[in-house]
Protein backbone atom coordinates (compact mmCIF):
# COMPACT_ATOMS: atom_id res chain seq x y z
CA UNK A 1 -1.59 -27.19 -149.13
CA UNK A 2 -3.53 -25.17 -146.59
CA UNK A 3 -4.71 -26.87 -143.43
CA UNK A 4 -8.08 -28.58 -143.74
CA UNK A 5 -11.01 -27.91 -141.43
CA UNK A 6 -12.89 -31.02 -140.30
CA UNK A 7 -15.61 -32.01 -139.83
CA UNK A 8 -18.24 -29.98 -141.70
CA UNK A 9 -21.23 -32.00 -140.42
CA UNK A 10 -23.63 -31.45 -143.29
CA UNK A 11 -27.07 -32.91 -142.52
CA UNK A 12 -27.95 -36.17 -144.31
CA UNK A 13 -31.14 -36.61 -146.35
CA UNK A 14 -33.27 -39.52 -145.07
CA UNK A 15 -35.93 -39.78 -147.79
CA UNK A 16 -36.70 -43.33 -148.95
CA UNK A 17 -35.94 -42.40 -152.56
CA UNK A 18 -32.44 -41.36 -151.45
CA UNK A 19 -31.62 -44.73 -149.87
CA UNK A 20 -29.13 -46.71 -151.96
CA UNK A 21 -29.99 -50.43 -151.99
CA UNK A 22 -27.19 -52.87 -152.75
CA UNK A 23 -26.11 -56.41 -151.99
CA UNK A 24 -24.73 -55.41 -148.57
CA UNK A 25 -27.93 -53.85 -147.22
CA UNK A 26 -30.70 -55.40 -149.33
CA UNK A 27 -31.61 -57.99 -146.68
CA UNK A 28 -32.10 -55.34 -144.00
CA UNK A 29 -34.15 -53.17 -146.36
CA UNK A 30 -36.39 -56.08 -147.34
CA UNK A 31 -36.98 -57.02 -143.71
CA UNK A 32 -38.33 -53.54 -143.03
CA UNK A 33 -40.65 -53.82 -146.02
CA UNK A 34 -42.04 -57.05 -144.54
CA UNK A 35 -43.50 -55.20 -141.57
CA UNK A 36 -45.92 -55.92 -139.93
CA UNK A 37 -45.33 -59.53 -140.97
CA UNK A 38 -42.25 -59.97 -138.81
CA UNK A 39 -41.62 -63.39 -137.20
CA UNK A 40 -40.75 -61.64 -133.93
CA UNK A 41 -42.03 -58.37 -132.40
CA UNK A 42 -38.46 -57.02 -132.44
CA UNK A 43 -35.93 -56.68 -135.22
CA UNK A 44 -32.26 -55.78 -134.91
CA UNK A 45 -30.29 -54.11 -137.70
CA UNK A 46 -26.60 -53.78 -136.93
CA UNK A 47 -23.43 -52.66 -138.64
CA UNK A 48 -20.60 -50.14 -138.64
CA UNK A 49 -21.04 -46.43 -138.09
CA UNK A 50 -22.45 -44.67 -141.13
CA UNK A 51 -23.72 -47.83 -142.83
CA UNK A 52 -27.28 -46.51 -143.17
CA UNK A 53 -29.02 -47.89 -140.07
CA UNK A 54 -30.52 -44.53 -139.14
CA UNK A 55 -31.61 -43.87 -142.72
CA UNK A 56 -33.40 -47.23 -142.79
CA UNK A 57 -35.05 -46.52 -139.45
CA UNK A 58 -36.42 -43.19 -140.70
CA UNK A 59 -37.94 -44.96 -143.71
CA UNK A 60 -39.65 -47.38 -141.32
CA UNK A 61 -40.69 -44.51 -139.05
CA UNK A 62 -42.53 -42.79 -141.92
CA UNK A 63 -44.41 -46.03 -142.59
CA UNK A 64 -45.27 -46.77 -138.95
CA UNK A 65 -45.14 -43.44 -137.06
CA UNK A 66 -42.90 -45.20 -134.52
CA UNK A 67 -41.38 -43.24 -131.65
CA UNK A 68 -37.64 -42.65 -132.12
CA UNK A 69 -35.43 -43.08 -129.05
CA UNK A 70 -31.67 -42.94 -128.52
CA UNK A 71 -29.75 -44.79 -125.83
CA UNK A 72 -29.01 -41.54 -124.00
CA UNK A 73 -32.76 -40.85 -123.76
CA UNK A 74 -33.26 -44.31 -122.35
CA UNK A 75 -30.56 -43.79 -119.74
CA UNK A 76 -31.97 -40.47 -118.49
CA UNK A 77 -35.76 -40.48 -118.98
CA UNK A 78 -38.10 -42.54 -116.73
CA UNK A 79 -39.41 -45.63 -118.52
CA UNK A 80 -43.04 -44.62 -117.94
CA UNK A 81 -42.49 -41.44 -119.92
CA UNK A 82 -40.80 -43.30 -122.77
CA UNK A 83 -43.58 -45.81 -123.36
CA UNK A 84 -46.56 -43.54 -122.73
CA UNK A 85 -49.05 -43.68 -125.61
CA UNK A 86 -47.04 -45.86 -127.98
CA UNK A 87 -46.15 -49.46 -128.74
CA UNK A 88 -44.01 -48.87 -131.85
CA UNK A 89 -40.43 -47.80 -131.25
CA UNK A 90 -37.02 -47.29 -132.82
CA UNK A 91 -34.11 -47.63 -130.42
CA UNK A 92 -30.81 -46.24 -131.73
CA UNK A 93 -27.39 -47.17 -130.30
CA UNK A 94 -29.27 -49.67 -128.18
CA UNK A 95 -26.10 -51.52 -127.15
CA UNK A 96 -25.14 -48.45 -125.07
CA UNK A 97 -28.14 -48.69 -122.75
CA UNK A 98 -26.95 -49.03 -119.15
CA UNK A 99 -30.23 -49.55 -117.27
CA UNK A 100 -30.74 -53.28 -117.78
CA UNK A 101 -33.91 -53.62 -115.72
CA UNK A 102 -35.53 -50.72 -117.58
CA UNK A 103 -34.59 -52.33 -120.91
CA UNK A 104 -36.04 -55.63 -119.68
CA UNK A 105 -39.36 -53.99 -118.75
CA UNK A 106 -39.34 -52.04 -122.02
CA UNK A 107 -39.00 -55.31 -123.95
CA UNK A 108 -41.88 -56.79 -121.95
CA UNK A 109 -44.02 -53.73 -122.75
CA UNK A 110 -43.46 -54.33 -126.47
CA UNK A 111 -44.58 -57.95 -126.13
CA UNK A 112 -47.57 -57.24 -123.86
CA UNK A 113 -48.86 -54.36 -126.00
CA UNK A 114 -48.42 -56.35 -129.24
CA UNK A 115 -46.10 -53.66 -130.50
CA UNK A 116 -42.87 -53.66 -132.48
CA UNK A 117 -39.34 -52.51 -131.83
CA UNK A 118 -36.63 -51.75 -134.37
CA UNK A 119 -33.21 -51.96 -132.73
CA UNK A 120 -30.15 -50.22 -134.21
CA UNK A 121 -26.69 -51.05 -132.90
CA UNK A 122 -23.07 -51.77 -133.79
CA UNK A 123 -23.34 -55.40 -132.65
CA UNK A 124 -26.32 -57.81 -132.49
CA UNK A 125 -28.33 -58.01 -129.23
CA UNK A 126 -27.20 -61.59 -128.60
CA UNK A 127 -23.64 -60.27 -128.15
CA UNK A 128 -24.43 -57.38 -125.80
CA UNK A 129 -22.65 -57.75 -122.47
CA UNK A 130 -25.60 -57.72 -120.08
CA UNK A 131 -25.65 -59.19 -116.59
CA UNK A 132 -29.40 -59.72 -116.12
CA UNK A 133 -30.08 -63.38 -117.12
CA UNK A 134 -33.72 -62.81 -118.15
CA UNK A 135 -32.69 -59.90 -120.34
CA UNK A 136 -29.89 -61.88 -121.99
CA UNK A 137 -32.22 -64.75 -122.82
CA UNK A 138 -34.71 -62.41 -124.48
CA UNK A 139 -32.08 -60.56 -126.47
CA UNK A 140 -30.87 -63.86 -127.92
CA UNK A 141 -34.29 -64.49 -129.51
CA UNK A 142 -34.32 -61.26 -131.56
CA UNK A 143 -33.65 -61.67 -135.30
CA UNK A 144 -30.52 -59.70 -136.21
CA UNK A 145 -29.70 -58.53 -139.73
CA UNK A 146 -26.25 -57.20 -140.54
CA UNK A 147 -25.45 -54.40 -142.98
CA UNK A 148 -22.14 -55.52 -144.43
CA UNK A 149 -19.19 -53.40 -145.54
CA UNK A 150 -19.89 -51.87 -148.96
CA UNK A 151 -18.41 -53.08 -152.22
CA UNK A 152 -17.28 -50.72 -154.97
CA UNK A 153 -20.62 -50.95 -156.76
CA UNK A 154 -22.49 -49.67 -153.70
CA UNK A 155 -19.90 -47.11 -152.61
CA UNK A 156 -20.19 -45.08 -155.81
CA UNK A 157 -23.88 -44.10 -155.31
CA UNK A 158 -23.36 -43.78 -151.55
CA UNK A 159 -20.56 -41.25 -152.03
CA UNK A 160 -22.55 -39.47 -154.72
CA UNK A 161 -25.42 -39.16 -152.22
CA UNK A 162 -23.05 -37.70 -149.63
CA UNK A 163 -21.88 -35.14 -152.18
CA UNK A 164 -25.52 -34.32 -152.94
CA UNK A 165 -26.29 -33.95 -149.22
CA UNK A 166 -23.47 -31.39 -149.06
CA UNK A 167 -24.89 -29.61 -152.15
CA UNK A 168 -21.77 -30.43 -154.18
CA UNK A 169 -21.80 -31.13 -157.90
CA UNK A 170 -19.15 -33.75 -158.54
CA UNK A 171 -18.66 -35.70 -161.76
CA UNK A 172 -19.20 -39.46 -161.53
CA UNK A 173 -15.69 -40.16 -162.86
CA UNK A 174 -14.31 -38.34 -159.80
CA UNK A 175 -16.37 -40.55 -157.49
CA UNK A 176 -15.15 -43.70 -159.27
CA UNK A 177 -11.55 -42.54 -158.90
CA UNK A 178 -12.02 -41.89 -155.17
CA UNK A 179 -13.61 -45.29 -154.58
CA UNK A 180 -10.70 -47.10 -156.23
CA UNK A 181 -8.19 -45.43 -153.89
CA UNK A 182 -9.94 -45.35 -150.51
CA UNK A 183 -10.77 -47.85 -147.80
CA UNK A 184 -14.09 -49.49 -148.60
CA UNK A 185 -16.22 -48.58 -145.61
CA UNK A 186 -19.14 -46.26 -144.97
CA UNK A 187 -17.23 -44.29 -142.36
CA UNK A 188 -14.33 -43.78 -144.79
CA UNK A 189 -16.77 -42.54 -147.44
CA UNK A 190 -18.11 -39.83 -145.16
CA UNK A 191 -14.59 -38.87 -144.05
CA UNK A 192 -13.30 -38.33 -147.59
CA UNK A 193 -16.39 -36.41 -148.72
CA UNK A 194 -15.98 -34.06 -145.76
CA UNK A 195 -12.25 -33.73 -146.46
CA UNK A 196 -12.79 -32.91 -150.12
CA UNK A 197 -15.57 -30.47 -149.32
CA UNK A 198 -13.34 -28.69 -146.80
CA UNK A 199 -10.37 -28.52 -149.17
CA UNK A 200 -12.50 -27.26 -152.05
CA UNK A 201 -13.89 -24.45 -149.88
CA UNK A 202 -10.52 -23.41 -148.46
CA UNK A 203 -8.69 -23.50 -151.78
CA UNK A 204 -11.66 -22.28 -153.84
CA UNK A 205 -11.40 -25.22 -156.23
CA UNK A 206 -13.84 -27.64 -157.77
CA UNK A 207 -13.69 -31.26 -156.64
CA UNK A 208 -11.82 -32.94 -159.48
CA UNK A 209 -9.55 -35.96 -159.86
CA UNK A 210 -6.39 -33.82 -159.35
CA UNK A 211 -7.80 -32.51 -156.07
CA UNK A 212 -8.75 -36.02 -154.94
CA UNK A 213 -5.24 -37.21 -155.77
CA UNK A 214 -3.70 -34.38 -153.71
CA UNK A 215 -5.90 -35.14 -150.70
CA UNK A 216 -5.20 -38.86 -150.86
CA UNK A 217 -1.47 -38.18 -150.90
CA UNK A 218 -1.53 -35.74 -147.99
CA UNK A 219 0.27 -37.65 -145.25
CA UNK A 220 -1.04 -35.60 -142.34
CA UNK A 221 -4.63 -36.13 -143.42
CA UNK A 222 -4.08 -39.84 -143.94
CA UNK A 223 -2.69 -40.14 -140.41
CA UNK A 224 -5.78 -38.43 -138.97
CA UNK A 225 -7.97 -40.81 -140.93
CA UNK A 226 -6.18 -43.84 -139.54
């Protein structure tokens, strides 16, 4: 088999109608629908890479017109510029923020302005390793909702969505076959869709069960995945 080219980095579709709701993410989805009736001004949604946190945040952003920030913005842009003219925010990869005092004052701005903050991270705020005592105490009060690892029932539509995002027409029986033979995680789903897309392009083949079987049995590719 010819060498595969990874990754392809096809852009995801973040429309609400494209979000796949299942038992592993239903709680997080329902919490967003409860806004503005949250019990706390801030809400944390956390989980593994690729689990749908960003997709959920974009759904909430459409509803609220919240300002979207990433941790790298927070680490490089003065706080005054970040909060100017807004009290509704999404903070992605928030656990990577290094400026603890700025984050503390940012939190206080949310409270004082009667705003809301949606926090996205790999781990809940209560477990972030922060040195500032006042910041730690505030982070521990934030409700945190986990998006769990997907089961087979959820993975099938998730993988089908990834194929659709890549403009690939793949039969559902192929997706079911892939799900039964892969690691059940969101990151694994994206990996295998990219791998199959790459192989299909290079070898000028449709994505079928025989192709999936070949890719799954390719030892070099499996080692890269691990």
